[in-house]
Amino acid sequence: MYAAIRQAKAKPGHAEELARVIKEGAIPIISDVPGFMAYYVVYAPDDTVTAISIFDSAAGAEESNRRGLAWIHENLTPLMAGSATAVAGPVIVHTLA
């Protein structure tokens, strides 16, 4: 199992708009990557937005970051306070309820 994590700082007060745009645009792009397993977005109190995608291969995680960063640049720039960063790697610990 591999995770792809993209993170950026949003302009304050845009959580609902970001959620709508991400649901309509990013989810279809990321979920189309081979090996897709799950997608989560966390909006922290300091306006940091973190997207976490789970894949069954390193190639899928890296491809999702490539697609995700391009999509963020094309679609979220007006809502962001800075540029996005991305990392990918193996999940070394996990548990489910």
Protein backbone atom coordinates (compact mmCIF):
# COMPACT_ATOMS: atom_id res chain seq x y z
CA MET A 1 0.00 0.00 0.00
CA TYR A 2 1.31 3.45 -0.96
CA ALA A 3 0.20 6.97 -0.05
CA ALA A 4 0.41 10.16 -2.06
CA ILE A 5 0.14 13.36 -0.05
CA ARG A 6 -0.38 16.84 -1.45
CA GLN A 7 -0.47 19.86 0.81
CA ALA A 8 -0.98 23.61 0.44
CA LYS A 9 -2.15 26.62 2.39
CA ALA A 10 -5.58 27.94 1.42
CA LYS A 11 -6.76 31.50 1.63
CA PRO A 12 -8.88 31.79 4.81
CA GLY A 13 -12.60 31.13 4.54
CA HIS A 14 -12.59 28.93 1.44
CA ALA A 15 -13.14 25.46 2.95
CA GLU A 16 -16.62 24.93 1.47
CA GLU A 17 -15.63 26.15 -1.99
CA LEU A 18 -12.48 24.01 -1.95
CA ALA A 19 -14.51 20.95 -0.95
CA ARG A 20 -16.96 21.50 -3.81
CA VAL A 21 -14.27 22.06 -6.43
CA ILE A 22 -12.22 19.08 -5.23
CA LYS A 23 -15.26 16.76 -5.27
CA GLU A 24 -16.16 17.82 -8.81
CA GLY A 25 -12.68 17.95 -10.30
CA ALA A 26 -9.90 16.21 -8.39
CA ILE A 27 -11.71 13.06 -7.29
CA PRO A 28 -12.49 11.90 -10.85
CA ILE A 29 -8.87 12.53 -11.91
CA ILE A 30 -7.24 10.83 -8.91
CA SER A 31 -9.66 7.89 -8.73
CA ASP A 32 -8.93 7.13 -12.41
CA VAL A 33 -5.27 6.36 -11.64
CA PRO A 34 -4.62 2.59 -11.77
CA GLY A 35 -4.45 1.02 -8.32
CA PHE A 36 -6.59 3.69 -6.64
CA MET A 37 -7.93 2.62 -3.23
CA ALA A 38 -9.00 5.72 -1.26
CA TYR A 39 -8.97 9.53 -1.16
CA TYR A 40 -9.18 11.89 1.83
CA VAL A 41 -8.91 15.67 2.22
CA VAL A 42 -8.23 17.33 5.57
CA TYR A 43 -8.79 21.06 6.14
CA ALA A 44 -6.87 22.15 9.25
CA PRO A 45 -7.77 25.15 11.43
CA ASP A 46 -4.73 27.04 10.08
CA ASP A 47 -6.13 26.68 6.50
CA THR A 48 -3.68 23.96 5.54
CA VAL A 49 -5.30 21.58 3.05
CA THR A 50 -3.92 18.04 2.89
CA ALA A 51 -5.05 15.50 0.28
CA ILE A 52 -4.15 11.86 0.95
CA SER A 53 -4.58 9.25 -1.76
CA ILE A 54 -4.01 5.53 -1.21
CA PHE A 55 -2.84 3.18 -3.99
CA ASP A 56 -1.72 -0.40 -4.38
CA SER A 57 1.53 0.59 -6.12
CA ALA A 58 4.26 3.22 -5.91
CA ALA A 59 3.63 4.07 -9.57
CA GLY A 60 -0.02 4.88 -8.83
CA ALA A 61 0.88 7.11 -5.89
CA GLU A 62 3.46 9.01 -7.93
CA GLU A 63 1.11 9.38 -10.90
CA SER A 64 -1.61 10.74 -8.62
CA ASN A 65 0.80 13.41 -7.36
CA ARG A 66 1.73 14.33 -10.92
CA ARG A 67 -1.93 14.64 -11.93
CA GLY A 68 -2.94 16.21 -8.62
CA LEU A 69 -0.30 18.96 -8.68
CA ALA A 70 -1.18 19.83 -12.29
CA TRP A 71 -4.88 19.95 -11.40
CA ILE A 72 -4.24 22.11 -8.32
CA HIS A 73 -2.18 24.55 -10.36
CA GLU A 74 -4.88 24.79 -13.06
CA ASN A 75 -7.94 24.91 -10.79
CA LEU A 76 -7.14 25.99 -7.25
CA THR A 77 -4.56 28.76 -7.62
CA PRO A 78 -7.09 31.57 -6.93
CA LEU A 79 -8.07 29.87 -3.65
CA MET A 80 -4.56 29.11 -2.45
CA ALA A 81 -2.15 31.25 -0.41
CA GLY A 82 0.90 29.39 -1.76
CA SER A 83 2.02 26.56 -3.98
CA ALA A 84 1.34 22.90 -3.26
CA THR A 85 3.90 20.31 -2.25
CA ALA A 86 3.72 16.56 -2.78
CA VAL A 87 5.31 13.40 -1.39
CA ALA A 88 4.66 9.70 -1.98
CA GLY A 89 5.86 6.53 -0.33
CA PRO A 90 4.96 3.19 1.19
CA VAL A 91 2.52 3.07 4.08
CA ILE A 92 4.48 1.42 6.86
CA VAL A 93 1.77 1.41 9.58
CA HIS A 94 -2.00 1.35 9.26
CA THR A 95 -5.07 0.04 11.01
CA LEU A 96 -8.81 0.05 10.45
CA ALA A 97 -11.62 -0.10 12.96
